[in-house]
C-alpha atoms as a PDB file:
ATOM      1  CA  MET A   1     161.651 311.162 251.103  1.00  0.00           C
ATOM      2  CA  PRO A   2     162.371 310.010 254.649  1.00  0.00           C
ATOM      3  CA  ARG A   3     165.530 310.978 256.263  1.00  0.00           C
ATOM      4  CA  PRO A   4     168.153 308.319 257.197  1.00  0.00           C
ATOM      5  CA  GLY A   5     167.227 306.743 260.523  1.00  0.00           C
ATOM      6  CA  THR A   6     163.476 307.374 260.055  1.00  0.00           C
ATOM      7  CA  PHE A   7     162.778 304.658 257.527  1.00  0.00           C
ATOM      8  CA  PRO A   8     159.698 302.523 258.086  1.00  0.00           C
ATOM      9  CA  THR A   9     160.581 299.044 259.294  1.00  0.00           C
ATOM     10  CA  ALA A  10     159.785 297.532 255.920  1.00  0.00           C
ATOM     11  CA  LEU A  11     162.474 299.699 254.235  1.00  0.00           C
ATOM     12  CA  ARG A  12     165.111 299.609 256.960  1.00  0.00           C
ATOM     13  CA  SER A  13     167.002 296.510 255.711  1.00  0.00           C
ATOM     14  CA  THR A  14     167.198 297.935 252.196  1.00  0.00           C
ATOM     15  CA  ALA A  15     168.550 301.243 253.483  1.00  0.00           C
ATOM     16  CA  SER A  16     171.082 299.494 255.766  1.00  0.00           C
ATOM     17  CA  SER A  17     172.367 297.258 253.008  1.00  0.00           C
ATOM     18  CA  GLY A  18     172.708 300.162 250.602  1.00  0.00           C
ATOM     19  CA  THR A  19     174.690 302.164 253.126  1.00  0.00           C
ATOM     20  CA  TYR A  20     176.847 299.144 253.902  1.00  0.00           C
ATOM     21  CA  SER A  21     177.605 298.640 250.176  1.00  0.00           C
ATOM     22  CA  LEU A  22     178.652 302.263 249.726  1.00  0.00           C
ATOM     23  CA  SER A  23     180.841 301.971 252.787  1.00  0.00           C
ATOM     24  CA  ARG A  24     182.604 298.888 251.349  1.00  0.00           C
ATOM     25  CA  LEU A  25     183.155 300.676 247.984  1.00  0.00           C
ATOM     26  CA  ALA A  26     184.593 303.759 249.729  1.00  0.00           C
ATOM     27  CA  SER A  27     186.868 301.537 251.880  1.00  0.00           C
ATOM     28  CA  GLY A  28     188.156 299.859 248.722  1.00  0.00           C
ATOM     29  CA  ALA A  29     188.855 303.191 247.004  1.00  0.00           C
ATOM     30  CA  MET A  30     190.531 304.884 250.027  1.00  0.00           C
ATOM     31  CA  PRO A  31     193.975 303.281 249.664  1.00  0.00           C
ATOM     32  CA  PHE A  32     194.207 304.613 246.077  1.00  0.00           C
ATOM     33  CA  VAL A  33     193.753 308.119 247.407  1.00  0.00           C
ATOM     34  CA  LEU A  34     195.352 307.999 250.839  1.00  0.00           C
ATOM     35  CA  VAL A  35     198.537 306.047 250.115  1.00  0.00           C
ATOM     36  CA  PRO A  36     199.739 308.534 247.432  1.00  0.00           C
ATOM     37  CA  LEU A  37     198.827 311.421 249.785  1.00  0.00           C
ATOM     38  CA  LEU A  38     200.854 309.781 252.534  1.00  0.00           C
ATOM     39  CA  ASP A  39     203.784 309.277 250.167  1.00  0.00           C
ATOM     40  CA  SER A  40     203.761 312.789 248.822  1.00  0.00           C
ATOM     41  CA  SER A  41     202.685 314.887 251.833  1.00  0.00           C
ATOM     42  CA  GLY A  42     203.480 312.877 254.923  1.00  0.00           C
ATOM     43  CA  ALA A  43     201.620 311.476 257.841  1.00  0.00           C
ATOM     44  CA  THR A  44     200.492 314.810 259.342  1.00  0.00           C
ATOM     45  CA  THR A  45     198.619 315.791 256.148  1.00  0.00           C
ATOM     46  CA  LEU A  46     197.085 312.286 255.957  1.00  0.00           C
ATOM     47  CA  PHE A  47     195.878 312.605 259.561  1.00  0.00           C
ATOM     48  CA  LEU A  48     194.372 316.058 258.940  1.00  0.00           C
ATOM     49  CA  VAL A  49     192.531 314.813 255.821  1.00  0.00           C
ATOM     50  CA  VAL A  50     191.054 311.848 257.747  1.00  0.00           C
ATOM     51  CA  ALA A  51     190.206 314.018 260.738  1.00  0.00           C
ATOM     52  CA  GLY A  52     188.539 316.588 258.423  1.00  0.00           C
ATOM     53  CA  ALA A  53     186.407 313.861 256.820  1.00  0.00           C
ATOM     54  CA  LEU A  54     185.318 312.650 260.277  1.00  0.00           C
ATOM     55  CA  VAL A  55     184.338 316.204 261.238  1.00  0.00           C
ATOM     56  CA  VAL A  56     182.311 316.583 258.068  1.00  0.00           C
ATOM     57  CA  VAL A  57     180.460 313.331 258.791  1.00  0.00           C
ATOM     58  CA  ALA A  58     179.864 314.324 262.468  1.00  0.00           C
ATOM     59  CA  LEU A  59     178.463 317.736 261.369  1.00  0.00           C
ATOM     60  CA  ASP A  60     176.291 316.107 258.714  1.00  0.00           C
ATOM     61  CA  VAL A  61     174.685 313.819 261.268  1.00  0.00           C
ATOM     62  CA  ALA A  62     174.291 316.520 263.895  1.00  0.00           C
ATOM     63  CA  LEU A  63     172.845 319.147 261.616  1.00  0.00           C
ATOM     64  CA  LEU A  64     170.901 317.178 259.103  1.00  0.00           C
ATOM     65  CA  GLY A  65     169.929 314.036 261.054  1.00  0.00           C
ATOM     66  CA  PRO A  66     166.503 313.618 262.515  1.00  0.00           C
ATOM     67  CA  ARG A  67     165.786 314.575 266.114  1.00  0.00           C
ATOM     68  CA  THR A  68     165.064 311.297 267.843  1.00  0.00           C
ATOM     69  CA  THR A  69     165.998 311.945 271.480  1.00  0.00           C
ATOM     70  CA  GLY A  70     163.178 310.902 273.761  1.00  0.00           C
ATOM     71  CA  ARG A  71     161.009 309.645 270.847  1.00  0.00           C
ATOM     72  CA  ARG A  72     159.757 306.097 270.292  1.00  0.00           C
ATOM     73  CA  LEU A  73     160.526 304.306 267.009  1.00  0.00           C
ATOM     74  CA  GLU A  74     156.797 303.898 266.428  1.00  0.00           C
ATOM     75  CA  SER A  75     156.262 307.703 266.459  1.00  0.00           C
ATOM     76  CA  LEU A  76     159.037 308.119 263.860  1.00  0.00           C
ATOM     77  CA  ASN A  77     157.390 305.550 261.638  1.00  0.00           C
ATOM     78  CA  ASP A  78     154.081 307.351 261.980  1.00  0.00           C
ATOM     79  CA  ASP A  79     155.619 310.660 260.941  1.00  0.00           C
ATOM     80  CA  VAL A  80     157.124 309.144 257.816  1.00  0.00           C
ATOM     81  CA  LYS A  81     153.789 307.537 256.812  1.00  0.00           C
ATOM     82  CA  VAL A  82     151.868 310.769 257.230  1.00  0.00           C
ATOM     83  CA  GLY A  83     154.683 312.843 255.622  1.00  0.00           C
ATOM     84  CA  GLN A  84     155.267 315.079 258.617  1.00  0.00           C
ATOM     85  CA  PRO A  85     158.789 316.418 259.347  1.00  0.00           C
ATOM     86  CA  THR A  86     160.607 314.669 262.142  1.00  0.00           C
ATOM     87  CA  ARG A  87     162.093 317.792 263.776  1.00  0.00           C
END
């Protein structure tokens, strides 16, 4: 299975729309989690939870994301078609 960001052009719109849909669902659910946390624990705890989530996402992209620096999109598409790793 290709890694995010290395989808062939034909699948890229499907991947983008799926990610966007998950983002909208998560944005809709966040107030139900974060507002009670703010009410019970205060603004500092809320800030730390949000900052922690951002750090997790940043590490996920940095460690698990494909290495694309200095590579052309066409070479990434070729790697996915052949099944070669992109690192």
